Amino acid sequence: MSLRRMSTQSFQKQRRRRPSPQALGNIVGCRISHGWKEGDEPVNQWKAIILDQLPTNPSLYLVKYDGIDCVYGLGLHSDERILKLKVLPHKVVFPQVKDAHLASAMVGRAVEHEFEGKHASKDNWRGVVPSQVPIMKNWFSITYEKDTVLYIYQLLDDYTEGNLRIIPETPPAEVKSDVNSDILTGQCVQFTRSDGSKKIGKVIYQVLAKPSVYFIKFYGDVHI
């Protein structure tokens, strides 16, 4: 038996052993670990927490990896790059939000977020805060004009430390129509880059606090 055939059989067995979402149950709020194998690159080991499972696309999970601030959208049970997925024991317990009023006032607002740049310089990034993270209420999702990838940070701490400013002229949230205007969620969309190349994706979520903002998962891209 050739090495190529042995490798194919091993891969097929691995696919048959891959657990289904139903077998693993509800893993939102759980910590996970897995290997990541892409192309000819060596296997990397990662740990993460599951932030959410999208009701419009239950196979897609929103994941935050340790040491990385952006949110990943992955089909944990179907992505062949994910190896030996393990759900770690015990769900994570997060502290309660100390200032619920400020947390509520921040959602849906435009903000200016200050980061430390090169040579201790200050770099201000303007963005919008779509929501609190569902299971981590002291964390907030944020996306920036300079970079539309979805990130999460502990923005209440940044606000207290003077590194985040709510832009005062923006209203706290958009006024929602009585008519259900969410006609985009679940739709396929095409985006044309400045160089003329195109990428295809799907609208996966409408931001309730700011209904004109949607999350998009592009095919072949792990970011939201």
N, C-alpha and C. Protein backbone atom coordinates (compact mmCIF):
# COMPACT_ATOMS: atom_id res chain seq x y z
N MET A 1 0.85 -1.19 0.00
CA MET A 1 0.00 0.00 0.00
C MET A 1 0.89 1.24 0.00
N SER A 2 0.59 2.17 -0.90
CA SER A 2 1.44 3.35 -1.03
C SER A 2 1.20 4.30 0.12
N LEU A 3 2.19 5.17 0.34
CA LEU A 3 2.07 6.17 1.39
C LEU A 3 0.90 7.11 1.10
N ARG A 4 0.69 7.42 -0.18
CA ARG A 4 -0.40 8.31 -0.56
C ARG A 4 -1.74 7.69 -0.18
N ARG A 5 -1.91 6.40 -0.43
CA ARG A 5 -3.18 5.75 -0.14
C ARG A 5 -3.38 5.65 1.37
N MET A 6 -2.30 5.34 2.10
CA MET A 6 -2.40 5.27 3.55
C MET A 6 -2.82 6.62 4.11
N SER A 7 -2.26 7.70 3.59
CA SER A 7 -2.60 9.02 4.06
C SER A 7 -4.06 9.34 3.79
N THR A 8 -4.55 8.93 2.62
CA THR A 8 -5.95 9.19 2.27
C THR A 8 -6.88 8.43 3.19
N GLN A 9 -6.56 7.14 3.48
CA GLN A 9 -7.41 6.36 4.36
C GLN A 9 -7.42 6.95 5.76
N SER A 10 -6.24 7.38 6.24
CA SER A 10 -6.17 7.97 7.58
C SER A 10 -7.01 9.22 7.65
N PHE A 11 -6.98 10.04 6.58
CA PHE A 11 -7.76 11.27 6.54
C PHE A 11 -9.25 10.96 6.56
N GLN A 12 -9.66 9.91 5.81
CA GLN A 12 -11.07 9.54 5.78
C GLN A 12 -11.53 9.06 7.15
N LYS A 13 -10.69 8.30 7.86
CA LYS A 13 -11.06 7.84 9.20
C LYS A 13 -11.19 9.01 10.15
N GLN A 14 -10.27 9.99 9.98
CA GLN A 14 -10.32 11.16 10.85
C GLN A 14 -11.61 11.93 10.64
N ARG A 15 -12.07 12.02 9.36
CA ARG A 15 -13.31 12.71 9.07
C ARG A 15 -14.50 11.98 9.68
N ARG A 16 -14.47 10.65 9.66
CA ARG A 16 -15.57 9.89 10.24
C ARG A 16 -15.62 10.06 11.75
N ARG A 17 -14.45 10.26 12.37
CA ARG A 17 -14.41 10.40 13.83
C ARG A 17 -14.74 11.82 14.29
N ARG A 18 -14.82 12.78 13.36
CA ARG A 18 -15.04 14.17 13.75
C ARG A 18 -16.41 14.29 14.42
N PRO A 19 -16.46 14.79 15.67
CA PRO A 19 -17.74 14.85 16.39
C PRO A 19 -18.69 15.87 15.77
N SER A 20 -19.96 15.60 15.88
CA SER A 20 -20.97 16.52 15.38
C SER A 20 -21.24 17.57 16.43
N PRO A 21 -21.84 18.73 16.03
CA PRO A 21 -22.21 19.74 17.02
C PRO A 21 -23.15 19.20 18.08
N GLN A 22 -24.07 18.30 17.67
CA GLN A 22 -25.01 17.74 18.63
C GLN A 22 -24.30 16.88 19.67
N ALA A 23 -23.24 16.16 19.22
CA ALA A 23 -22.52 15.28 20.14
C ALA A 23 -21.78 16.08 21.20
N LEU A 24 -21.30 17.26 20.83
CA LEU A 24 -20.55 18.08 21.79
C LEU A 24 -21.45 18.99 22.61
N GLY A 25 -22.72 19.12 22.21
CA GLY A 25 -23.64 19.95 22.96
C GLY A 25 -23.34 21.43 22.80
N ASN A 26 -23.89 22.23 23.70
CA ASN A 26 -23.70 23.67 23.65
C ASN A 26 -22.33 24.03 24.19
N ILE A 27 -21.46 24.52 23.33
CA ILE A 27 -20.10 24.83 23.77
C ILE A 27 -19.86 26.34 23.88
N VAL A 28 -20.89 27.15 23.72
CA VAL A 28 -20.74 28.60 23.91
C VAL A 28 -20.36 28.87 25.36
N GLY A 29 -19.31 29.65 25.56
CA GLY A 29 -18.81 29.93 26.90
C GLY A 29 -17.73 28.97 27.35
N CYS A 30 -17.48 27.93 26.56
CA CYS A 30 -16.44 26.95 26.92
C CYS A 30 -15.09 27.35 26.34
N ARG A 31 -14.06 26.86 26.99
CA ARG A 31 -12.71 26.97 26.41
C ARG A 31 -12.44 25.71 25.59
N ILE A 32 -11.70 25.90 24.51
CA ILE A 32 -11.36 24.79 23.63
C ILE A 32 -9.87 24.82 23.33
N SER A 33 -9.37 23.70 22.85
CA SER A 33 -8.02 23.64 22.32
C SER A 33 -8.05 22.81 21.05
N HIS A 34 -7.17 23.11 20.13
CA HIS A 34 -7.10 22.32 18.89
C HIS A 34 -5.80 22.62 18.17
N GLY A 35 -5.46 21.74 17.26
CA GLY A 35 -4.35 22.00 16.36
C GLY A 35 -4.86 22.70 15.12
N TRP A 36 -3.96 23.38 14.42
CA TRP A 36 -4.32 24.08 13.17
C TRP A 36 -3.27 23.72 12.11
N LYS A 37 -3.73 23.12 11.04
CA LYS A 37 -2.84 22.67 9.98
C LYS A 37 -3.30 23.27 8.67
N GLU A 38 -2.46 24.10 8.08
CA GLU A 38 -2.82 24.76 6.82
C GLU A 38 -1.71 24.54 5.81
N GLY A 39 -2.06 23.85 4.70
CA GLY A 39 -1.09 23.59 3.66
C GLY A 39 0.08 22.76 4.16
N ASP A 40 1.28 23.20 3.79
CA ASP A 40 2.50 22.49 4.20
C ASP A 40 3.08 23.04 5.50
N GLU A 41 2.38 23.96 6.12
CA GLU A 41 2.88 24.54 7.36
C GLU A 41 2.78 23.52 8.50
N PRO A 42 3.66 23.63 9.52
CA PRO A 42 3.57 22.72 10.67
C PRO A 42 2.29 22.97 11.46
N VAL A 43 1.88 21.98 12.25
CA VAL A 43 0.68 22.11 13.08
C VAL A 43 0.95 23.07 14.22
N ASN A 44 0.06 24.02 14.41
CA ASN A 44 0.14 24.95 15.54
C ASN A 44 -0.95 24.61 16.54
N GLN A 45 -0.67 24.79 17.82
CA GLN A 45 -1.64 24.51 18.87
C GLN A 45 -2.23 25.81 19.40
N TRP A 46 -3.56 25.82 19.56
CA TRP A 46 -4.25 27.03 19.99
C TRP A 46 -5.26 26.72 21.10
N LYS A 47 -5.48 27.72 21.96
CA LYS A 47 -6.56 27.67 22.94
C LYS A 47 -7.43 28.90 22.74
N ALA A 48 -8.73 28.74 23.00
CA ALA A 48 -9.66 29.83 22.71
C ALA A 48 -10.89 29.69 23.58
N ILE A 49 -11.75 30.71 23.50
CA ILE A 49 -13.05 30.65 24.14
C ILE A 49 -14.12 30.87 23.08
N ILE A 50 -15.22 30.13 23.19
CA ILE A 50 -16.32 30.25 22.23
C ILE A 50 -17.22 31.39 22.68
N LEU A 51 -17.33 32.43 21.86
CA LEU A 51 -18.12 33.61 22.20
C LEU A 51 -19.59 33.44 21.84
N ASP A 52 -19.86 32.78 20.72
CA ASP A 52 -21.24 32.70 20.27
C ASP A 52 -21.36 31.64 19.17
N GLN A 53 -22.58 31.16 19.00
CA GLN A 53 -22.95 30.28 17.89
C GLN A 53 -24.08 30.99 17.16
N LEU A 54 -23.90 31.26 15.87
CA LEU A 54 -24.84 32.12 15.17
C LEU A 54 -26.14 31.39 14.87
N PRO A 55 -27.28 31.92 15.32
CA PRO A 55 -28.56 31.26 15.07
C PRO A 55 -28.90 31.17 13.59
N THR A 56 -28.41 32.14 12.80
CA THR A 56 -28.68 32.11 11.37
C THR A 56 -27.79 31.13 10.63
N ASN A 57 -26.72 30.68 11.29
CA ASN A 57 -25.78 29.73 10.68
C ASN A 57 -25.16 28.92 11.82
N PRO A 58 -25.89 27.92 12.35
CA PRO A 58 -25.45 27.21 13.56
C PRO A 58 -24.11 26.50 13.44
N SER A 59 -23.64 26.27 12.23
CA SER A 59 -22.34 25.61 12.08
C SER A 59 -21.18 26.59 12.29
N LEU A 60 -21.48 27.89 12.36
CA LEU A 60 -20.45 28.90 12.48
C LEU A 60 -20.37 29.42 13.91
N TYR A 61 -19.17 29.38 14.48
CA TYR A 61 -18.93 29.86 15.84
C TYR A 61 -18.02 31.09 15.79
N LEU A 62 -18.27 32.02 16.71
CA LEU A 62 -17.39 33.16 16.89
C LEU A 62 -16.41 32.82 18.01
N VAL A 63 -15.12 32.94 17.72
CA VAL A 63 -14.08 32.42 18.60
C VAL A 63 -13.04 33.51 18.88
N LYS A 64 -12.62 33.60 20.16
CA LYS A 64 -11.49 34.47 20.50
C LYS A 64 -10.34 33.61 21.01
N TYR A 65 -9.21 33.71 20.32
CA TYR A 65 -8.04 32.93 20.71
C TYR A 65 -7.21 33.69 21.74
N ASP A 66 -6.57 32.95 22.62
CA ASP A 66 -5.72 33.54 23.65
C ASP A 66 -4.64 34.42 23.01
N GLY A 67 -4.52 35.64 23.49
CA GLY A 67 -3.47 36.53 23.01
C GLY A 67 -3.79 37.24 21.71
N ILE A 68 -5.00 37.04 21.16
CA ILE A 68 -5.39 37.68 19.90
C ILE A 68 -6.68 38.44 20.14
N ASP A 69 -6.75 39.68 19.67
CA ASP A 69 -7.87 40.55 19.99
C ASP A 69 -9.02 40.48 18.98
N CYS A 70 -8.77 39.95 17.79
CA CYS A 70 -9.85 39.92 16.80
C CYS A 70 -10.68 38.65 16.95
N VAL A 71 -11.88 38.70 16.37
CA VAL A 71 -12.82 37.59 16.45
C VAL A 71 -12.72 36.75 15.18
N TYR A 72 -12.69 35.43 15.35
CA TYR A 72 -12.64 34.52 14.21
C TYR A 72 -13.99 33.84 14.04
N GLY A 73 -14.40 33.62 12.81
CA GLY A 73 -15.60 32.88 12.50
C GLY A 73 -15.22 31.55 11.88
N LEU A 74 -15.50 30.45 12.57
CA LEU A 74 -15.02 29.14 12.13
C LEU A 74 -16.12 28.08 12.24
N GLY A 75 -16.13 27.18 11.29
CA GLY A 75 -16.94 25.98 11.40
C GLY A 75 -16.13 24.94 12.15
N LEU A 76 -16.22 24.96 13.46
CA LEU A 76 -15.34 24.14 14.29
C LEU A 76 -15.47 22.65 14.00
N HIS A 77 -16.66 22.22 13.60
CA HIS A 77 -16.89 20.80 13.39
C HIS A 77 -16.69 20.38 11.93
N SER A 78 -16.43 21.33 11.05
CA SER A 78 -16.33 21.00 9.62
C SER A 78 -15.04 21.47 8.97
N ASP A 79 -14.34 22.42 9.58
CA ASP A 79 -13.11 22.95 8.99
C ASP A 79 -11.99 21.92 9.11
N GLU A 80 -11.51 21.44 7.98
CA GLU A 80 -10.49 20.38 7.99
C GLU A 80 -9.13 20.85 8.48
N ARG A 81 -8.95 22.15 8.63
CA ARG A 81 -7.69 22.66 9.17
C ARG A 81 -7.62 22.52 10.69
N ILE A 82 -8.77 22.28 11.32
CA ILE A 82 -8.84 22.13 12.77
C ILE A 82 -8.66 20.66 13.13
N LEU A 83 -7.65 20.37 13.95
CA LEU A 83 -7.32 19.00 14.30
C LEU A 83 -7.49 18.78 15.80
N LYS A 84 -8.04 17.62 16.15
CA LYS A 84 -8.16 17.20 17.55
C LYS A 84 -8.80 18.27 18.43
N LEU A 85 -9.98 18.69 18.02
CA LEU A 85 -10.73 19.68 18.80
C LEU A 85 -11.12 19.09 20.15
N LYS A 86 -10.80 19.80 21.21
CA LYS A 86 -11.15 19.37 22.57
C LYS A 86 -11.89 20.49 23.28
N VAL A 87 -12.97 20.13 23.95
CA VAL A 87 -13.67 21.06 24.82
C VAL A 87 -13.10 20.89 26.22
N LEU A 88 -12.50 21.94 26.76
CA LEU A 88 -11.85 21.85 28.06
C LEU A 88 -12.90 21.89 29.16
N PRO A 89 -12.64 21.22 30.27
CA PRO A 89 -13.65 21.16 31.35
C PRO A 89 -13.89 22.52 31.98
N HIS A 90 -15.12 22.69 32.44
CA HIS A 90 -15.55 23.87 33.19
C HIS A 90 -15.68 25.11 32.30
N LYS A 91 -16.88 25.65 32.26
CA LYS A 91 -17.10 26.91 31.57
C LYS A 91 -16.43 28.04 32.35
N VAL A 92 -16.04 29.07 31.61
CA VAL A 92 -15.34 30.19 32.22
C VAL A 92 -16.36 31.08 32.93
N VAL A 93 -16.01 31.53 34.13
CA VAL A 93 -16.84 32.47 34.89
C VAL A 93 -16.22 33.86 34.76
N PHE A 94 -17.02 34.82 34.30
CA PHE A 94 -16.52 36.17 34.07
C PHE A 94 -17.06 37.12 35.13
N PRO A 95 -16.28 38.13 35.49
CA PRO A 95 -16.75 39.10 36.49
C PRO A 95 -17.93 39.91 35.97
N GLN A 96 -18.76 40.41 36.90
CA GLN A 96 -19.90 41.23 36.53
C GLN A 96 -19.42 42.64 36.14
N VAL A 97 -20.23 43.28 35.30
CA VAL A 97 -19.92 44.64 34.90
C VAL A 97 -20.18 45.58 36.08
N LYS A 98 -19.21 46.43 36.39
CA LYS A 98 -19.34 47.33 37.53
C LYS A 98 -20.23 48.53 37.22
N ASP A 99 -20.19 49.01 35.98
CA ASP A 99 -20.96 50.18 35.61
C ASP A 99 -21.88 49.81 34.46
N ALA A 100 -23.05 49.27 34.78
CA ALA A 100 -23.99 48.81 33.75
C ALA A 100 -24.52 49.97 32.92
N HIS A 101 -24.67 51.15 33.54
CA HIS A 101 -25.18 52.32 32.81
C HIS A 101 -24.19 52.73 31.73
N LEU A 102 -22.91 52.81 32.06
CA LEU A 102 -21.89 53.18 31.08
C LEU A 102 -21.80 52.12 29.99
N ALA A 103 -21.89 50.86 30.39
CA ALA A 103 -21.83 49.78 29.40
C ALA A 103 -22.96 49.90 28.40
N SER A 104 -24.16 50.18 28.88
CA SER A 104 -25.32 50.33 28.00
C SER A 104 -25.17 51.56 27.11
N ALA A 105 -24.62 52.64 27.68
CA ALA A 105 -24.46 53.89 26.91
C ALA A 105 -23.41 53.78 25.83
N MET A 106 -22.48 52.84 25.97
CA MET A 106 -21.40 52.70 25.01
C MET A 106 -21.82 51.94 23.75
N VAL A 107 -22.80 51.05 23.90
CA VAL A 107 -23.21 50.20 22.77
C VAL A 107 -23.89 51.04 21.70
N GLY A 108 -23.46 50.87 20.46
CA GLY A 108 -24.02 51.60 19.33
C GLY A 108 -23.39 52.95 19.08
N ARG A 109 -22.40 53.32 19.90
CA ARG A 109 -21.81 54.66 19.79
C ARG A 109 -20.53 54.64 18.97
N ALA A 110 -20.27 55.77 18.35
CA ALA A 110 -18.98 56.01 17.72
C ALA A 110 -17.99 56.41 18.80
N VAL A 111 -16.77 55.92 18.70
CA VAL A 111 -15.77 56.18 19.73
C VAL A 111 -14.43 56.48 19.07
N GLU A 112 -13.54 57.04 19.88
CA GLU A 112 -12.15 57.24 19.47
C GLU A 112 -11.29 56.47 20.47
N HIS A 113 -10.53 55.52 19.96
CA HIS A 113 -9.75 54.61 20.79
C HIS A 113 -8.28 54.92 20.61
N GLU A 114 -7.61 55.15 21.72
CA GLU A 114 -6.21 55.54 21.67
C GLU A 114 -5.30 54.34 21.91
N PHE A 115 -4.34 54.14 21.01
CA PHE A 115 -3.34 53.08 21.15
C PHE A 115 -1.96 53.71 21.20
N GLU A 116 -1.05 52.96 21.79
CA GLU A 116 0.34 53.41 21.81
C GLU A 116 1.04 52.93 20.56
N GLY A 117 1.59 53.86 19.78
CA GLY A 117 2.28 53.53 18.55
C GLY A 117 3.78 53.41 18.75
N LYS A 118 4.50 53.58 17.67
CA LYS A 118 5.95 53.49 17.73
C LYS A 118 6.52 54.65 18.53
N HIS A 119 7.61 54.38 19.24
CA HIS A 119 8.34 55.39 20.01
C HIS A 119 7.41 56.10 21.00
N ALA A 120 6.48 55.31 21.60
CA ALA A 120 5.55 55.80 22.63
C ALA A 120 4.61 56.89 22.11
N SER A 121 4.45 56.98 20.81
CA SER A 121 3.51 57.95 20.25
C SER A 121 2.08 57.45 20.44
N LYS A 122 1.12 58.36 20.36
CA LYS A 122 -0.28 58.02 20.52
C LYS A 122 -0.96 58.00 19.15
N ASP A 123 -1.75 56.97 18.94
CA ASP A 123 -2.43 56.80 17.66
C ASP A 123 -3.92 56.61 17.94
N ASN A 124 -4.75 57.51 17.43
CA ASN A 124 -6.19 57.47 17.67
C ASN A 124 -6.91 56.78 16.51
N TRP A 125 -7.73 55.80 16.86
CA TRP A 125 -8.52 55.06 15.87
C TRP A 125 -10.00 55.32 16.13
N ARG A 126 -10.71 55.79 15.12
CA ARG A 126 -12.14 56.02 15.25
C ARG A 126 -12.88 54.75 14.82
N GLY A 127 -13.89 54.39 15.61
CA GLY A 127 -14.65 53.18 15.30
C GLY A 127 -16.05 53.24 15.87
N VAL A 128 -16.72 52.10 15.84
CA VAL A 128 -18.07 51.99 16.38
C VAL A 128 -18.14 50.74 17.25
N VAL A 129 -18.91 50.80 18.32
CA VAL A 129 -19.06 49.68 19.26
C VAL A 129 -20.41 49.01 18.98
N PRO A 130 -20.43 47.87 18.26
CA PRO A 130 -21.71 47.24 17.93
C PRO A 130 -22.44 46.61 19.12
N SER A 131 -21.69 46.01 20.06
CA SER A 131 -22.38 45.25 21.11
C SER A 131 -21.42 44.87 22.23
N GLN A 132 -22.01 44.46 23.35
CA GLN A 132 -21.26 43.74 24.36
C GLN A 132 -21.10 42.30 23.89
N VAL A 133 -20.02 41.67 24.28
CA VAL A 133 -19.84 40.26 23.95
C VAL A 133 -20.86 39.45 24.77
N PRO A 134 -21.62 38.57 24.14
CA PRO A 134 -22.76 37.92 24.82
C PRO A 134 -22.43 37.28 26.16
N ILE A 135 -21.29 36.61 26.26
CA ILE A 135 -20.98 35.89 27.50
C ILE A 135 -19.92 36.58 28.35
N MET A 136 -19.39 37.69 27.84
CA MET A 136 -18.33 38.41 28.54
C MET A 136 -18.73 39.88 28.58
N LYS A 137 -19.60 40.24 29.52
CA LYS A 137 -20.24 41.55 29.51
C LYS A 137 -19.28 42.71 29.75
N ASN A 138 -18.09 42.42 30.27
CA ASN A 138 -17.11 43.49 30.42
C ASN A 138 -16.20 43.62 29.20
N TRP A 139 -16.51 42.87 28.14
CA TRP A 139 -15.83 42.97 26.85
C TRP A 139 -16.82 43.49 25.81
N PHE A 140 -16.32 44.25 24.84
CA PHE A 140 -17.17 44.83 23.80
C PHE A 140 -16.55 44.56 22.44
N SER A 141 -17.43 44.32 21.46
CA SER A 141 -16.94 44.23 20.09
C SER A 141 -16.76 45.64 19.56
N ILE A 142 -15.80 45.82 18.68
CA ILE A 142 -15.52 47.13 18.09
C ILE A 142 -14.91 46.91 16.71
N THR A 143 -15.26 47.80 15.80
CA THR A 143 -14.66 47.76 14.46
C THR A 143 -14.28 49.18 14.09
N TYR A 144 -13.21 49.35 13.32
CA TYR A 144 -12.62 50.66 13.09
C TYR A 144 -12.75 51.10 11.63
N GLU A 145 -12.73 52.42 11.43
CA GLU A 145 -12.75 52.94 10.07
C GLU A 145 -11.51 52.49 9.30
N LYS A 146 -10.35 52.42 9.98
CA LYS A 146 -9.11 52.01 9.33
C LYS A 146 -9.03 50.51 9.10
N ASP A 147 -9.79 49.74 9.86
CA ASP A 147 -9.70 48.29 9.81
C ASP A 147 -11.07 47.73 10.21
N THR A 148 -11.81 47.20 9.24
CA THR A 148 -13.19 46.79 9.50
C THR A 148 -13.32 45.38 10.07
N VAL A 149 -12.20 44.73 10.39
CA VAL A 149 -12.25 43.44 11.07
C VAL A 149 -12.87 43.63 12.45
N LEU A 150 -13.59 42.62 12.95
CA LEU A 150 -14.24 42.70 14.25
C LEU A 150 -13.24 42.35 15.35
N TYR A 151 -13.09 43.27 16.32
CA TYR A 151 -12.20 43.07 17.47
C TYR A 151 -13.03 43.06 18.75
N ILE A 152 -12.44 42.57 19.85
CA ILE A 152 -13.07 42.73 21.16
C ILE A 152 -12.02 43.21 22.16
N TYR A 153 -12.45 44.17 23.01
CA TYR A 153 -11.58 44.73 24.04
C TYR A 153 -12.41 44.99 25.30
N GLN A 154 -11.71 45.15 26.41
CA GLN A 154 -12.34 45.56 27.66
C GLN A 154 -12.42 47.09 27.66
N LEU A 155 -13.42 47.60 26.96
CA LEU A 155 -13.49 49.04 26.70
C LEU A 155 -13.81 49.86 27.93
N LEU A 156 -14.49 49.27 28.92
CA LEU A 156 -14.77 50.02 30.16
C LEU A 156 -13.46 50.39 30.86
N ASP A 157 -12.52 49.47 30.87
CA ASP A 157 -11.21 49.76 31.47
C ASP A 157 -10.50 50.85 30.68
N ASP A 158 -10.56 50.76 29.34
CA ASP A 158 -9.92 51.77 28.51
C ASP A 158 -10.56 53.14 28.72
N TYR A 159 -11.88 53.16 28.90
CA TYR A 159 -12.59 54.43 29.14
C TYR A 159 -12.15 55.03 30.48
N THR A 160 -12.09 54.19 31.51
CA THR A 160 -11.69 54.66 32.84
C THR A 160 -10.26 55.19 32.84
N GLU A 161 -9.39 54.57 32.05
CA GLU A 161 -7.99 54.97 31.99
C GLU A 161 -7.75 56.14 31.04
N GLY A 162 -8.82 56.62 30.39
CA GLY A 162 -8.69 57.77 29.49
C GLY A 162 -8.24 57.43 28.09
N ASN A 163 -8.26 56.13 27.74
CA ASN A 163 -7.81 55.72 26.41
C ASN A 163 -8.96 55.52 25.42
N LEU A 164 -10.19 55.78 25.86
CA LEU A 164 -11.34 55.65 24.98
C LEU A 164 -12.26 56.85 25.21
N ARG A 165 -12.71 57.46 24.13
CA ARG A 165 -13.60 58.61 24.23
C ARG A 165 -14.84 58.34 23.39
N ILE A 166 -16.02 58.50 24.01
CA ILE A 166 -17.27 58.40 23.26
C ILE A 166 -17.48 59.72 22.54
N ILE A 167 -17.63 59.65 21.25
CA ILE A 167 -17.80 60.88 20.46
C ILE A 167 -19.18 61.46 20.77
N PRO A 168 -19.25 62.64 21.36
CA PRO A 168 -20.51 63.13 21.93
C PRO A 168 -21.59 63.45 20.92
N GLU A 169 -21.20 63.80 19.68
CA GLU A 169 -22.22 64.23 18.74
C GLU A 169 -23.00 63.06 18.12
N THR A 170 -22.60 61.84 18.41
CA THR A 170 -23.31 60.71 17.85
C THR A 170 -24.45 60.29 18.75
N PRO A 171 -25.60 59.93 18.19
CA PRO A 171 -26.71 59.46 19.02
C PRO A 171 -26.40 58.10 19.61
N PRO A 172 -27.03 57.72 20.72
CA PRO A 172 -26.73 56.44 21.35
C PRO A 172 -27.09 55.24 20.51
N ALA A 173 -28.09 55.38 19.65
CA ALA A 173 -28.48 54.27 18.79
C ALA A 173 -29.40 54.79 17.71
N GLU A 174 -29.53 54.02 16.65
CA GLU A 174 -30.43 54.38 15.58
C GLU A 174 -31.86 54.04 15.97
N VAL A 175 -32.81 54.78 15.42
CA VAL A 175 -34.22 54.49 15.67
C VAL A 175 -34.64 53.37 14.74
N LYS A 176 -35.14 52.29 15.31
CA LYS A 176 -35.55 51.15 14.51
C LYS A 176 -36.98 51.33 14.01
N SER A 177 -37.20 50.91 12.78
CA SER A 177 -38.53 50.98 12.20
C SER A 177 -39.40 49.87 12.77
N ASP A 178 -40.73 50.11 12.77
CA ASP A 178 -41.65 49.07 13.22
C ASP A 178 -41.67 47.90 12.25
N VAL A 179 -41.31 48.17 11.00
CA VAL A 179 -41.28 47.13 9.98
C VAL A 179 -39.94 46.42 10.04
N ASN A 180 -39.97 45.10 9.98
CA ASN A 180 -38.73 44.33 10.02
C ASN A 180 -37.89 44.65 8.80
N SER A 181 -36.78 45.35 9.01
CA SER A 181 -35.94 45.80 7.90
C SER A 181 -34.75 44.89 7.66
N ASP A 182 -34.66 43.81 8.40
CA ASP A 182 -33.52 42.90 8.25
C ASP A 182 -33.76 41.97 7.06
N ILE A 183 -33.43 42.49 5.88
CA ILE A 183 -33.62 41.70 4.66
C ILE A 183 -32.28 41.19 4.12
N LEU A 184 -31.18 41.55 4.80
CA LEU A 184 -29.86 41.18 4.30
C LEU A 184 -29.28 39.94 4.96
N THR A 185 -29.63 39.70 6.23
CA THR A 185 -29.04 38.56 6.93
C THR A 185 -29.35 37.26 6.19
N GLY A 186 -28.29 36.49 5.93
CA GLY A 186 -28.43 35.25 5.19
C GLY A 186 -28.18 35.39 3.70
N GLN A 187 -28.07 36.64 3.24
CA GLN A 187 -27.87 36.89 1.82
C GLN A 187 -26.38 36.81 1.46
N CYS A 188 -26.10 36.32 0.25
CA CYS A 188 -24.73 36.33 -0.27
C CYS A 188 -24.44 37.71 -0.86
N VAL A 189 -23.21 38.19 -0.64
CA VAL A 189 -22.82 39.51 -1.12
C VAL A 189 -21.46 39.43 -1.81
N GLN A 190 -21.21 40.39 -2.65
CA GLN A 190 -19.92 40.47 -3.36
C GLN A 190 -19.27 41.81 -3.07
N PHE A 191 -17.99 41.78 -2.73
CA PHE A 191 -17.24 42.99 -2.43
C PHE A 191 -16.12 43.14 -3.46
N THR A 192 -16.00 44.33 -4.03
CA THR A 192 -14.96 44.61 -5.01
C THR A 192 -13.87 45.43 -4.36
N ARG A 193 -12.65 44.90 -4.37
CA ARG A 193 -11.51 45.61 -3.79
C ARG A 193 -11.07 46.74 -4.71
N SER A 194 -10.18 47.60 -4.20
CA SER A 194 -9.69 48.74 -4.98
C SER A 194 -8.91 48.30 -6.22
N ASP A 195 -8.32 47.08 -6.19
CA ASP A 195 -7.57 46.59 -7.34
C ASP A 195 -8.47 45.87 -8.36
N GLY A 196 -9.77 45.86 -8.09
CA GLY A 196 -10.70 45.23 -9.03
C GLY A 196 -11.03 43.79 -8.73
N SER A 197 -10.27 43.15 -7.83
CA SER A 197 -10.55 41.77 -7.48
C SER A 197 -11.80 41.71 -6.60
N LYS A 198 -12.46 40.57 -6.59
CA LYS A 198 -13.73 40.42 -5.88
C LYS A 198 -13.64 39.29 -4.85
N LYS A 199 -14.45 39.43 -3.80
CA LYS A 199 -14.60 38.33 -2.86
C LYS A 199 -16.07 38.19 -2.50
N ILE A 200 -16.47 36.95 -2.26
CA ILE A 200 -17.87 36.61 -2.01
C ILE A 200 -18.02 36.23 -0.54
N GLY A 201 -19.13 36.62 0.07
CA GLY A 201 -19.38 36.27 1.46
C GLY A 201 -20.86 36.20 1.74
N LYS A 202 -21.19 36.06 3.03
CA LYS A 202 -22.58 35.98 3.46
C LYS A 202 -22.78 36.90 4.65
N VAL A 203 -23.89 37.63 4.65
CA VAL A 203 -24.27 38.46 5.78
C VAL A 203 -24.77 37.54 6.89
N ILE A 204 -24.13 37.58 8.06
CA ILE A 204 -24.45 36.61 9.11
C ILE A 204 -25.17 37.21 10.31
N TYR A 205 -25.18 38.57 10.42
CA TYR A 205 -25.78 39.15 11.64
C TYR A 205 -26.04 40.63 11.43
N GLN A 206 -27.20 41.08 11.89
CA GLN A 206 -27.50 42.51 11.93
C GLN A 206 -27.31 43.02 13.34
N VAL A 207 -26.56 44.10 13.50
CA VAL A 207 -26.29 44.67 14.81
C VAL A 207 -27.55 45.38 15.31
N LEU A 208 -28.12 44.90 16.41
CA LEU A 208 -29.40 45.42 16.89
C LEU A 208 -29.31 46.88 17.32
N ALA A 209 -28.19 47.25 17.95
CA ALA A 209 -28.03 48.62 18.44
C ALA A 209 -27.75 49.61 17.31
N LYS A 210 -27.36 49.09 16.16
CA LYS A 210 -27.06 49.95 15.01
C LYS A 210 -27.43 49.18 13.75
N PRO A 211 -28.73 49.19 13.41
CA PRO A 211 -29.25 48.29 12.36
C PRO A 211 -28.65 48.47 10.98
N SER A 212 -27.94 49.59 10.74
CA SER A 212 -27.30 49.76 9.44
C SER A 212 -25.99 48.99 9.35
N VAL A 213 -25.54 48.42 10.48
CA VAL A 213 -24.27 47.69 10.52
C VAL A 213 -24.54 46.18 10.53
N TYR A 214 -23.83 45.47 9.67
CA TYR A 214 -23.97 44.02 9.56
C TYR A 214 -22.60 43.36 9.67
N PHE A 215 -22.58 42.13 10.19
CA PHE A 215 -21.37 41.31 10.17
C PHE A 215 -21.39 40.45 8.91
N ILE A 216 -20.24 40.36 8.25
CA ILE A 216 -20.11 39.57 7.03
C ILE A 216 -18.98 38.57 7.20
N LYS A 217 -19.22 37.34 6.79
CA LYS A 217 -18.18 36.30 6.75
C LYS A 217 -17.89 35.98 5.29
N PHE A 218 -16.68 36.37 4.83
CA PHE A 218 -16.28 36.11 3.46
C PHE A 218 -15.70 34.70 3.34
N TYR A 219 -16.00 34.03 2.25
CA TYR A 219 -15.51 32.68 2.03
C TYR A 219 -13.98 32.69 1.94
N GLY A 220 -13.36 31.76 2.66
CA GLY A 220 -11.89 31.67 2.67
C GLY A 220 -11.23 32.62 3.63
N ASP A 221 -12.01 33.43 4.35
CA ASP A 221 -11.47 34.39 5.32
C ASP A 221 -12.01 34.02 6.70
N VAL A 222 -11.12 33.85 7.67
CA VAL A 222 -11.56 33.44 9.01
C VAL A 222 -12.02 34.61 9.86
N HIS A 223 -11.83 35.84 9.39
CA HIS A 223 -12.25 37.01 10.15
C HIS A 223 -13.70 37.36 9.87
N ILE A 224 -14.28 38.16 10.77
CA ILE A 224 -15.62 38.68 10.60
C ILE A 224 -15.51 40.14 10.17
